[in-house]
Protein backbone atom coordinates (compact mmCIF):
# COMPACT_ATOMS: atom_id res chain seq x y z
CA MET A 1 -73.60 60.53 104.96
CA ARG A 2 -74.91 58.21 107.64
CA ALA A 3 -74.00 54.32 108.09
CA LEU A 4 -75.41 52.23 110.78
CA ILE A 5 -73.51 49.09 111.50
CA ALA A 6 -75.28 46.19 113.46
CA GLU A 7 -72.96 43.72 114.04
CA PRO A 8 -71.79 41.80 117.12
CA ASP A 9 -68.64 40.57 116.31
CA ALA A 10 -66.23 43.35 117.63
CA THR A 11 -63.67 42.27 115.29
CA ARG A 12 -65.68 42.61 112.40
CA ARG A 13 -67.14 46.07 113.39
CA ALA A 14 -64.12 47.08 113.97
CA ALA A 15 -62.77 46.78 110.14
CA LEU A 16 -66.31 48.46 109.11
CA GLU A 17 -65.85 51.06 111.40
CA ALA A 18 -62.28 51.99 110.16
CA GLU A 19 -63.36 51.73 105.70
CA LEU A 20 -66.38 53.57 106.56
CA LEU A 21 -64.69 55.90 108.25
CA ARG A 22 -62.28 56.42 105.75
CA HIS A 23 -64.73 57.21 103.37
CA GLY A 24 -65.82 59.94 105.10
CA TYR A 25 -69.48 58.39 106.73
CA GLU A 26 -71.07 59.28 110.05
CA ILE A 27 -71.27 56.01 111.80
CA GLU A 28 -73.93 54.89 114.58
CA LEU A 29 -72.96 51.60 115.69
CA ARG A 30 -75.56 49.08 117.34
CA ASP A 31 -76.19 45.39 118.48
CA ALA A 32 -79.31 44.66 116.79
CA ALA A 33 -80.65 45.60 113.12
CA PRO A 34 -82.73 49.04 113.18
CA ALA A 35 -86.84 48.35 112.52
CA SER A 36 -86.39 50.87 109.55
CA ALA A 37 -83.45 52.04 107.65
CA ASP A 38 -84.80 56.07 107.59
CA GLY A 39 -82.17 58.15 107.99
CA PHE A 40 -79.68 56.35 106.83
CA ASP A 41 -77.68 56.17 103.84
CA LEU A 42 -75.91 52.82 104.06
CA ILE A 43 -76.75 49.68 106.73
CA CYS A 44 -74.15 47.13 107.13
CA LEU A 45 -75.89 43.63 109.24
CA GLY A 46 -74.02 40.79 110.30
CA GLY A 47 -74.66 37.91 112.82
CA GLU A 48 -77.05 34.87 112.45
CA ASP A 49 -80.60 37.29 111.77
CA ALA A 50 -78.75 39.27 109.29
CA LEU A 51 -80.41 37.91 106.39
CA ALA A 52 -83.22 38.12 108.22
CA ALA A 53 -83.45 41.56 108.94
CA CYS A 54 -82.15 42.97 105.20
CA ARG A 55 -85.67 41.23 104.20
CA ALA A 56 -87.25 43.09 106.55
CA LEU A 57 -85.33 46.50 105.81
CA ALA A 58 -86.34 46.15 102.14
CA PRO A 59 -87.70 48.16 100.24
CA SER A 60 -85.69 51.30 101.83
CA GLN A 61 -83.48 54.12 100.30
CA ALA A 62 -80.68 52.98 101.94
CA ILE A 63 -77.64 50.48 100.92
CA VAL A 64 -78.30 47.81 102.65
CA ILE A 65 -74.88 45.24 103.09
CA LEU A 66 -74.85 41.80 104.78
CA VAL A 67 -71.09 40.88 106.09
CA GLY A 68 -70.38 37.19 105.93
CA ASP A 69 -66.93 35.49 107.43
CA LEU A 70 -64.23 38.05 108.12
CA ASP A 71 -60.49 37.42 107.87
CA CYS A 72 -58.11 39.43 110.19
CA GLY A 73 -60.45 42.76 110.20
CA GLU A 74 -60.98 42.33 106.40
CA ILE A 75 -64.74 41.97 103.90
CA VAL A 76 -64.00 38.41 102.92
CA HIS A 77 -67.45 37.37 101.71
CA PHE A 78 -70.14 40.23 99.61
CA VAL A 79 -73.63 38.96 100.32
CA GLY A 80 -75.72 41.33 98.56
CA VAL A 81 -76.82 44.88 98.00
CA GLN A 82 -80.90 46.07 98.86
CA LEU A 83 -81.26 49.30 96.85
CA GLY A 84 -84.82 51.34 96.87
CA VAL A 85 -85.18 52.25 93.17
CA GLY A 86 -88.08 55.24 93.45
CA ALA A 87 -85.75 57.87 94.05
CA TYR A 88 -83.26 57.38 91.40
CA ARG A 89 -86.21 56.74 88.81
CA ALA A 90 -87.47 60.25 89.84
CA GLU A 91 -83.97 61.71 89.36
CA HIS A 92 -83.89 60.46 86.08
CA ARG A 93 -86.69 61.10 84.58
CA HIS A 94 -85.95 64.43 86.13
CA LEU A 95 -82.51 64.23 84.32
CA VAL A 96 -84.27 63.37 80.76
CA ARG A 97 -86.16 66.22 80.94
CA GLU A 98 -83.67 68.75 81.86
CA GLN A 99 -81.24 67.13 79.24
CA THR A 100 -84.38 67.54 76.43
CA ALA A 101 -85.03 71.24 77.61
CA ARG A 102 -81.55 72.25 77.03
CA VAL A 103 -81.17 70.46 73.66
CA ALA A 104 -84.29 72.67 72.72
CA ALA A 105 -82.83 75.38 74.27
CA GLN A 106 -79.75 75.31 72.26
CA THR A 107 -81.45 74.15 68.95
CA ALA A 108 -83.29 77.26 68.81
CA GLU A 109 -80.79 79.24 69.73
CA ARG A 110 -78.79 78.28 66.81
CA ARG A 111 -82.09 78.83 64.86
CA SER A 112 -82.44 82.33 66.20
CA ALA A 113 -78.18 82.95 65.39
CA PHE A 114 -79.63 81.47 62.03
CA LEU A 115 -82.02 84.04 61.11
CA ALA A 116 -80.06 86.89 63.07
CA GLU A 117 -77.28 86.14 60.62
CA ALA A 118 -79.55 85.36 57.46
CA SER A 119 -81.10 89.25 57.61
CA PRO A 120 -78.55 91.62 56.98
CA LEU A 121 -77.21 89.12 54.10
CA LEU A 122 -80.68 89.01 52.39
CA ASP A 123 -80.88 93.15 52.92
CA ALA A 124 -77.20 93.79 52.20
CA SER A 125 -77.67 94.36 48.36
CA LEU A 126 -80.71 95.70 45.92
CA ASP A 127 -78.96 93.87 43.70
CA LEU A 128 -81.56 90.84 42.66
CA ARG A 129 -78.71 88.42 41.29
CA SER A 130 -76.51 88.73 44.51
CA THR A 131 -80.14 88.35 46.83
CA LEU A 132 -80.43 85.18 44.66
CA ASP A 133 -77.22 84.44 45.95
CA SER A 134 -77.15 85.20 49.47
CA LEU A 135 -80.38 83.22 50.23
CA THR A 136 -79.07 80.39 48.72
CA ARG A 137 -75.52 80.03 50.00
CA LEU A 138 -76.35 81.40 53.42
CA SER A 139 -79.25 77.98 53.46
CA VAL A 140 -76.33 75.36 53.06
CA PRO A 141 -76.31 73.17 55.08
CA PHE A 142 -77.78 74.51 58.10
CA LEU A 143 -81.48 73.99 56.26
CA GLY A 144 -80.54 71.24 53.67
CA ASP A 145 -77.41 70.12 51.33
CA VAL A 146 -78.72 71.59 48.42
CA CYS A 147 -80.95 74.74 47.89
CA ILE A 148 -82.25 75.93 44.80
CA VAL A 149 -84.91 79.28 44.22
CA ASP A 150 -87.19 78.60 41.06
CA GLU A 151 -90.48 80.65 39.46
CA ILE A 152 -93.20 79.76 37.06
CA HIS A 153 -92.93 82.59 34.17
CA LEU A 154 -95.61 81.54 31.96
CA ASN A 155 -95.58 77.62 31.15
CA ASP A 156 -91.96 77.27 32.18
CA VAL A 157 -90.24 76.51 35.46
CA ARG A 158 -86.81 78.78 35.68
CA ARG A 159 -83.84 78.24 37.75
CA LEU A 160 -82.82 81.25 39.43
CA ALA A 161 -80.33 80.14 41.29
CA ALA A 162 -78.94 77.42 42.96
CA ALA A 163 -76.14 75.91 45.58
CA ALA A 164 -75.05 72.96 47.31
CA ALA A 165 -72.69 71.85 50.45
CA ASP A 166 -70.34 69.93 47.90
CA PRO A 167 -68.84 71.74 44.95
CA VAL A 168 -69.29 68.66 43.05
CA VAL A 169 -73.36 68.65 44.05
CA GLU A 170 -73.15 72.12 42.80
CA ARG A 171 -71.93 71.13 39.23
CA ILE A 172 -74.07 68.83 38.66
CA VAL A 173 -77.53 70.91 39.79
CA ARG A 174 -76.28 73.99 37.87
CA ASP A 175 -75.77 71.94 34.75
CA LEU A 176 -79.10 71.01 35.10
CA PRO A 177 -81.65 72.89 32.59
CA ALA A 178 -82.47 76.11 33.92
CA ARG A 179 -85.88 76.31 32.35
CA TYR A 180 -88.27 73.54 31.23
CA PRO A 181 -92.22 73.11 31.07
CA VAL A 182 -94.18 73.20 33.92
CA ASP A 183 -95.52 69.09 34.58
CA PRO A 184 -99.36 69.18 36.87
CA ASP A 185 -97.15 66.96 38.63
CA ASP A 186 -94.49 68.84 39.55
CA PRO A 187 -94.46 69.39 42.89
CA ILE A 188 -92.95 72.85 42.61
CA ALA A 189 -95.98 73.61 40.28
CA ARG A 190 -98.30 72.21 43.00
CA VAL A 191 -96.75 74.55 46.12
CA VAL A 192 -96.65 77.41 43.82
CA GLU A 193 -100.22 76.88 43.00
CA SER A 194 -101.58 76.42 46.47
CA GLY A 195 -99.16 78.43 48.17
CA ARG A 196 -98.43 75.87 51.22
CA ALA A 197 -95.18 74.84 52.07
CA GLU A 198 -94.19 71.00 51.73
CA ILE A 199 -92.43 68.49 53.13
CA LEU A 200 -91.27 65.55 50.94
CA THR A 201 -90.08 62.75 51.76
CA GLY A 202 -88.41 60.05 49.40
CA ALA A 203 -88.59 62.52 47.08
CA GLY A 204 -85.35 61.41 44.75
CA ALA A 205 -84.83 64.05 42.32
CA GLY A 206 -88.31 65.24 41.20
CA VAL A 207 -87.44 68.87 42.15
CA PHE A 208 -84.64 68.97 40.19
CA GLY A 209 -86.94 68.59 37.08
CA PRO A 210 -86.96 66.26 34.37
CA ALA A 211 -83.50 65.71 34.52
CA VAL A 212 -83.27 62.67 36.27
CA ASP A 213 -85.28 61.18 33.27
CA SER A 214 -82.25 61.17 30.92
CA GLY A 215 -79.95 59.87 33.57
CA HIS A 216 -78.47 62.76 34.83
CA LEU A 217 -79.62 62.12 38.47
CA GLN A 218 -80.05 58.98 40.24
CA ALA A 219 -83.90 59.00 41.90
CA ALA A 220 -82.37 58.62 44.85
CA PHE A 221 -80.37 62.08 44.96
CA GLY A 222 -82.87 63.74 47.23
CA ARG A 223 -83.94 61.90 50.27
CA ALA A 224 -85.97 64.43 51.36
CA ALA A 225 -87.22 67.84 50.82
CA MET A 226 -88.81 71.37 51.93
CA LEU A 227 -90.25 73.57 48.99
CA VAL A 228 -91.50 76.72 50.37
CA PRO A 229 -93.16 79.48 48.66
CA LEU A 230 -91.52 82.97 48.25
CA LYS A 231 -94.50 85.28 48.97
CA ALA A 232 -94.06 89.17 48.69
CA ARG A 233 -97.10 91.56 49.15
CA GLY A 234 -100.08 89.23 48.55
CA HIS A 235 -97.83 87.70 45.59
CA ILE A 236 -95.89 84.51 45.16
CA ILE A 237 -92.89 85.47 43.60
CA GLY A 238 -91.04 82.23 43.38
CA ILE A 239 -90.12 79.35 45.20
CA VAL A 240 -87.03 78.18 47.29
CA VAL A 241 -86.22 74.59 47.72
CA PHE A 242 -84.03 72.36 51.04
CA VAL A 243 -82.98 69.29 50.16
CA SER A 244 -81.29 66.52 52.28
CA LEU A 245 -78.65 63.86 50.62
CA ASP A 246 -78.52 62.00 53.93
CA ALA A 247 -80.75 58.83 54.30
CA ALA A 248 -80.96 59.41 58.26
CA ARG A 249 -82.21 62.93 57.98
CA ARG A 250 -85.57 64.02 58.19
CA TYR A 251 -87.40 66.95 58.41
CA ASP A 252 -89.94 67.85 61.12
CA MET A 253 -92.85 70.76 61.36
CA ASP A 254 -90.01 73.45 63.16
CA ASP A 255 -87.54 72.48 60.21
CA LEU A 256 -90.54 73.63 58.23
CA LEU A 257 -91.70 76.79 60.15
CA LEU A 258 -87.33 77.59 59.94
CA ALA A 259 -87.41 77.60 56.59
CA GLU A 260 -91.08 79.25 56.26
CA ASP A 261 -89.45 82.20 58.73
CA LEU A 262 -86.24 82.80 56.38
CA ALA A 263 -88.56 82.78 52.41
CA ARG A 264 -90.47 85.85 53.91
CA ARG A 265 -87.62 87.58 54.76
CA ALA A 266 -86.04 86.18 51.19
CA ALA A 267 -89.17 86.97 49.67
CA LEU A 268 -89.30 90.54 50.99
CA ALA A 269 -85.65 91.40 50.33
CA LEU A 270 -86.09 89.94 46.89
CA ASP A 271 -89.32 92.08 45.78
CA ASN A 272 -86.98 94.76 47.20
CA ALA A 273 -84.24 93.66 44.42
CA ARG A 274 -86.85 93.41 41.77
CA LEU A 275 -88.65 96.64 42.14
CA TYR A 276 -84.83 98.41 42.49
CA GLU A 277 -84.00 96.36 39.01
CA ASP A 278 -87.13 98.01 37.66
CA LEU A 279 -86.92 101.46 38.68
CA GLY A 280 -83.29 101.31 37.21
CA GLY A 281 -84.47 99.84 34.02
CA VAL A 282 -87.36 102.82 33.99
CA ALA A 283 -84.77 105.28 34.96
CA ARG A 284 -82.16 104.67 32.19
CA ALA A 285 -85.03 104.16 29.69
CA LEU A 286 -86.49 107.74 30.54
CA GLN A 287 -82.60 109.33 31.06
CA ALA A 288 -82.03 108.08 27.34
CA ALA A 289 -84.88 109.78 25.95
CA LEU A 290 -83.65 113.08 27.32
CA LEU A 291 -80.23 112.96 25.38
CA PRO A 292 -79.77 112.63 21.80
CA GLN A 293 -80.01 109.46 20.34
CA ARG A 294 -76.94 109.84 18.42
CA LEU A 295 -74.97 112.71 17.37
CA PRO A 296 -75.41 114.37 13.92
CA ASP A 297 -72.74 114.05 11.09
CA LEU A 298 -71.56 117.41 10.22
CA VAL A 299 -68.71 118.42 7.52
CA GLY A 300 -66.42 120.62 9.34
CA VAL A 301 -67.02 119.12 12.80
CA GLU A 302 -65.73 116.37 14.85
CA LEU A 303 -68.46 115.42 17.79
CA ALA A 304 -67.99 113.15 20.95
CA ALA A 305 -70.12 112.99 23.95
CA ARG A 306 -70.05 110.91 27.20
CA PHE A 307 -72.87 110.68 30.04
CA ARG A 308 -72.05 108.90 33.14
CA PRO A 309 -75.09 109.01 35.95
CA ALA A 310 -74.92 108.74 39.80
CA GLY A 311 -74.39 106.69 41.88
CA ASP A 312 -75.64 103.27 40.40
CA GLY A 313 -77.94 105.02 37.45
CA SER A 314 -81.27 104.21 39.21
CA LEU A 315 -82.17 108.14 39.84
CA ILE A 316 -82.43 110.36 36.87
CA GLY A 317 -79.88 112.97 37.80
CA GLY A 318 -80.37 116.69 35.89
CA ASP A 319 -77.01 116.66 33.63
CA PHE A 320 -78.28 116.84 29.74
CA TYR A 321 -76.77 118.23 26.33
CA ASP A 322 -77.89 118.24 23.11
CA VAL A 323 -76.53 119.09 19.69
CA LEU A 324 -78.71 120.93 17.07
CA PRO A 325 -77.54 121.71 13.27
CA PHE A 326 -78.87 124.28 11.32
CA ASP A 327 -77.79 126.55 8.00
CA GLY A 328 -74.18 127.51 8.14
CA GLY A 329 -73.83 126.21 11.54
CA VAL A 330 -74.36 124.16 14.89
CA ASP A 331 -75.81 125.35 18.21
CA LEU A 332 -74.05 122.76 20.92
CA VAL A 333 -76.11 122.82 24.27
CA ILE A 334 -75.20 121.57 27.70
CA GLY A 335 -76.60 122.06 31.28
CA ASP A 336 -77.93 120.83 34.67
CA VAL A 337 -81.57 121.33 35.89
CA THR A 338 -81.95 121.01 40.12
CA GLY A 339 -83.60 117.78 41.92
CA LYS A 340 -83.31 114.70 40.76
CA GLY A 341 -85.79 111.38 40.02
CA ALA A 342 -89.18 112.26 38.29
CA ARG A 343 -89.49 116.16 38.66
CA ALA A 344 -85.87 116.43 37.44
CA ALA A 345 -86.82 114.35 34.36
CA ALA A 346 -89.66 117.31 33.80
CA LEU A 347 -87.32 119.83 34.13
CA THR A 348 -85.12 118.62 32.11
CA SER A 349 -87.84 118.11 29.08
CA LEU A 350 -88.80 121.40 29.22
CA VAL A 351 -85.33 122.66 28.94
CA ARG A 352 -84.28 121.00 26.12
CA HIS A 353 -87.59 121.52 23.97
CA THR A 354 -87.54 125.23 25.07
CA VAL A 355 -83.88 125.44 23.81
CA ARG A 356 -84.52 123.67 20.94
CA THR A 357 -87.67 126.00 19.93
CA ALA A 358 -85.84 129.20 20.92
CA ALA A 359 -82.81 128.25 18.99
CA ARG A 360 -84.92 128.17 15.43
CA TYR A 361 -86.07 131.81 15.36
CA GLU A 362 -83.06 133.65 17.91
CA ASP A 363 -80.18 134.99 16.65
CA ARG A 364 -78.31 135.17 19.36
CA PRO A 365 -77.12 132.90 22.78
CA SER A 366 -78.02 135.06 25.16
CA GLN A 367 -81.79 135.17 23.61
CA VAL A 368 -82.22 131.51 23.67
CA LEU A 369 -81.57 131.60 27.37
CA ASP A 370 -83.52 134.30 28.06
CA VAL A 371 -86.48 132.34 26.44
CA VAL A 372 -85.33 129.74 28.59
CA ASN A 373 -85.51 131.83 32.06
CA ARG A 374 -88.95 133.48 31.08
CA THR A 375 -90.51 130.03 31.19
CA LEU A 376 -89.16 128.78 34.16
CA LEU A 377 -90.33 131.89 35.65
CA SER A 378 -93.82 131.41 34.62
CA GLU A 379 -93.76 127.99 35.99
CA ARG A 380 -92.92 128.97 39.51
CA SER A 381 -95.82 127.82 41.97
CA GLU A 382 -96.11 128.44 45.82
CA HIS A 383 -93.85 125.15 46.33
CA GLY A 384 -90.80 126.98 44.96
CA GLY A 385 -89.05 127.63 41.73
CA ARG A 386 -87.94 125.12 38.85
CA TYR A 387 -83.60 126.38 38.15
CA CYS A 388 -81.22 125.52 35.84
CA THR A 389 -78.24 126.43 34.34
CA VAL A 390 -76.88 126.38 30.97
CA ALA A 391 -73.97 126.63 28.53
CA PHE A 392 -74.83 127.19 24.64
CA CYS A 393 -72.20 127.98 21.88
CA ARG A 394 -73.45 128.61 18.20
CA LEU A 395 -70.78 127.66 16.23
CA GLU A 396 -69.95 129.25 12.39
CA LEU A 397 -69.60 126.05 9.73
CA ASN A 398 -69.38 128.86 6.75
CA GLY A 399 -65.64 128.43 6.72
CA SER A 400 -65.18 130.78 9.56
CA ALA A 401 -63.66 129.96 12.94
CA ARG A 402 -66.05 132.42 14.71
CA ALA A 403 -68.53 131.03 17.75
CA THR A 404 -70.51 132.29 20.07
CA ILE A 405 -71.37 131.38 23.52
CA CYS A 406 -73.63 132.50 26.45
CA CYS A 407 -72.73 130.81 29.74
CA ALA A 408 -75.74 131.09 32.56
CA GLY A 409 -74.47 129.69 36.14
CA HIS A 410 -72.84 127.03 34.15
CA PRO A 411 -69.10 125.94 34.20
CA MET A 412 -67.25 128.14 31.73
CA PRO A 413 -65.86 125.13 28.81
CA MET A 414 -62.79 125.14 27.83
CA VAL A 415 -60.93 125.27 24.30
CA MET A 416 -57.78 123.31 23.39
CA ARG A 417 -55.92 125.28 21.64
CA GLY A 418 -53.59 124.33 18.69
CA SER A 419 -50.61 125.23 21.01
CA GLY A 420 -51.15 122.80 23.95
CA ALA A 421 -52.54 125.31 26.03
CA VAL A 422 -56.19 125.72 27.71
CA ASP A 423 -58.41 128.32 27.91
CA HIS A 424 -61.60 129.17 29.25
CA VAL A 425 -64.45 131.03 27.30
CA GLY A 426 -66.98 132.75 27.99
CA ARG A 427 -68.02 134.76 31.07
CA PRO A 428 -70.16 133.68 34.77
CA GLY A 429 -74.02 134.67 34.43
CA SER A 430 -77.21 134.10 36.35
CA VAL A 431 -78.67 131.08 37.01
CA LEU A 432 -82.20 130.57 35.08
CA GLY A 433 -85.33 130.67 36.81
CA TRP A 434 -84.18 132.70 39.68
CA VAL A 435 -84.69 136.33 38.20
CA ASP A 436 -86.48 138.22 35.85
CA ASP A 437 -83.67 140.31 34.51
CA PRO A 438 -80.76 137.83 34.07
CA LYS A 439 -77.42 138.52 33.76
CA LEU A 440 -76.46 136.59 29.82
CA LEU A 441 -73.33 137.76 28.22
CA ASP A 442 -72.48 136.67 24.45
CA ILE A 443 -68.87 136.29 24.72
CA ASP A 444 -67.12 136.01 20.85
CA PHE A 445 -64.14 133.21 20.38
CA GLU A 446 -62.57 131.89 17.63
CA LEU A 447 -61.93 128.30 17.44
CA ALA A 448 -59.37 127.57 14.80
CA PRO A 449 -59.09 123.90 12.52
CA HIS A 450 -57.91 121.12 14.55
CA GLU A 451 -58.96 122.97 18.29
CA SER A 452 -61.52 121.60 20.84
CA LEU A 453 -64.12 123.08 22.39
CA VAL A 454 -64.82 120.95 25.68
CA LEU A 455 -68.18 121.60 27.13
CA PHE A 456 -69.25 119.81 30.60
CA THR A 457 -71.07 119.62 33.49
CA ASP A 458 -69.97 120.35 37.37
CA GLY A 459 -70.09 116.25 38.17
CA VAL A 460 -66.70 116.28 36.24
CA THR A 461 -64.82 119.04 38.41
CA GLU A 462 -66.51 117.81 41.13
CA ALA A 463 -65.76 114.47 40.99
CA ARG A 464 -63.15 113.14 43.80
CA THR A 465 -60.51 110.95 43.03
CA THR A 466 -58.00 110.86 46.38
CA GLY A 467 -60.23 112.97 48.96
CA ASP A 468 -60.24 116.11 47.59
CA ALA A 469 -62.48 117.60 44.51
CA TYR A 470 -61.06 116.63 41.22
CA GLY A 471 -61.35 120.57 40.37
CA LEU A 472 -60.82 122.76 37.13
CA GLY A 473 -57.67 122.60 37.20
CA GLY A 474 -57.32 118.55 37.57
CA LEU A 475 -59.28 118.81 34.41
CA GLU A 476 -57.29 121.69 32.52
CA SER A 477 -54.00 119.18 33.15
CA LEU A 478 -55.45 116.58 31.60
CA LEU A 479 -57.03 118.12 28.35
CA ARG A 480 -53.33 119.53 27.96
CA GLU A 481 -52.51 115.66 28.30
CA ALA A 482 -54.55 114.91 25.54
CA ALA A 483 -53.30 117.98 23.20
CA GLY A 484 -53.85 116.11 19.60
CA ASP A 485 -56.71 113.58 20.30
CA ASP A 486 -59.62 113.74 18.22
CA ALA A 487 -62.97 114.64 20.39
CA ALA A 488 -64.09 110.64 20.75
CA GLY A 489 -59.92 110.81 22.87
CA VAL A 490 -60.85 114.08 24.45
CA ALA A 491 -64.64 112.61 25.96
CA ALA A 492 -63.02 109.22 26.76
CA ARG A 493 -60.46 110.85 28.87
CA VAL A 494 -63.01 112.86 30.89
CA ASP A 495 -65.53 110.00 31.41
CA GLN A 496 -62.40 107.81 32.42
CA ALA A 497 -61.39 110.39 35.19
CA ALA A 498 -64.96 110.69 36.04
CA ALA A 499 -64.99 106.93 36.97
CA LEU A 500 -62.05 106.61 38.97
CA ALA A 501 -63.59 109.05 41.43
CA GLY A 502 -65.73 105.84 42.90
CA GLU A 503 -68.90 107.02 43.93
CA ARG A 504 -70.04 109.61 42.25
CA ARG A 505 -72.73 111.68 43.90
CA ASP A 506 -73.66 113.82 40.40
CA ASP A 507 -74.06 113.02 36.80
CA VAL A 508 -71.11 113.42 34.91
CA ALA A 509 -72.00 114.99 31.15
CA VAL A 510 -69.29 116.06 28.59
CA LEU A 511 -69.31 117.08 25.10
CA VAL A 512 -66.84 117.77 22.88
CA ALA A 513 -66.56 119.25 19.43
CA ARG A 514 -63.14 119.57 17.67
CA ARG A 515 -62.50 121.86 14.15
CA GLY A 516 -62.49 119.58 11.09
CA GLY A 517 -63.27 115.94 10.55
CA THR A 518 -66.73 114.10 11.23
CA SER A 519 -68.59 113.23 14.54
CA ALA A 520 -68.57 110.49 16.72
CA GLY A 521 -70.95 109.77 19.47
């Protein structure tokens, strides 16, 4: 920094020079005031002509000090300062622009971070309820103090989800009617009809439905709101509403753009969850159609069955079982076809109905399964074959303990003996649909009163409980522990063991027949 001292009095000049040097100024001494202040940051003027010189220098970029009486080398009187403000105004404008840009960048960063956090939360689950909860929870308090999701179904507004930053407010909102008739003046109905997002100011409680009329909410409960339609694949599937309870908060177009961005992501996630839910319902309906609706009540044998689909049940598996009574006995069938989904459902239906038809006229289990094999071979195409494994047991109910079983590539069933022992029955055979002349062996065995025959699919033995497959050994141990249980108790034990295995990669089916008593589905 440069300073100029124009002071004729030597004592005053020395005092000023010492003070300015202490503050780091580079000093130039003159006898008279300069004609221009250019090149100086500070000018100290003294003497009789100082005031006139000061006026001559204004305006300037330098600070001009008029020095009066001095005593003992100290400044005792401050006369005035002349300052040019043009540069400072420009600098102030620059600082304001810089601060505005910084605030805008920080706001954009927070919004980007919000959307970056929202996307994985919305996509984390295909469960519709979980996705709705994620949308409302992540929106408060960033986009509003309250977030609700509604849909219009027929002539009613239905509340699908609600959340609030304040637990007390959330309880109030959740206690409101979850369904109410559509009012043409309702802003929710208007936005759904138009498909355009809106900002409401001074909205009151209009977005919460007609409950305000009955005194549940004060009219000023909501001070401002954003209503954004949820659009997916060209259809409006609902509406998300963000409500501010703060009188000082006002939504602007930037807020609305952010809300629309979130709504687009949420709408796709919700639509996927709804499609997945519908797919699961179709799969469960088809799966139920491929199993007996109920087990028959038979004299002399007690029946029980359990079925547990793989995963969450949204994909049709290939396991099935059936019970076919005939005069003097009953046929017990359990099997597993290749594939998943619609292809597996079609193959299961083909095998099941072929078995039912062939069992009416064939005398031996192996003959029934041979018909199934020939049927599958006839269905073979250039895209590959269709295969399945089946265990078929014919049990006589005419007072005899005789039974005959044939296993076609299927795990051999087990018999729980009265002594507590567990025996395997049957012999390994060929997978059906693979070769023209399969190995199919009929094995006769005895099933005495109070003994149980347990037929199962490989989903039981391949279930993993501690990282290792449950295995045949684990099933044998479980059945020994179940000695004395009725058919329903045995089936329940096997089903529970499979359920504890965690995520299942295959269906689990078990069919139990116990000599004596009546059936229990």
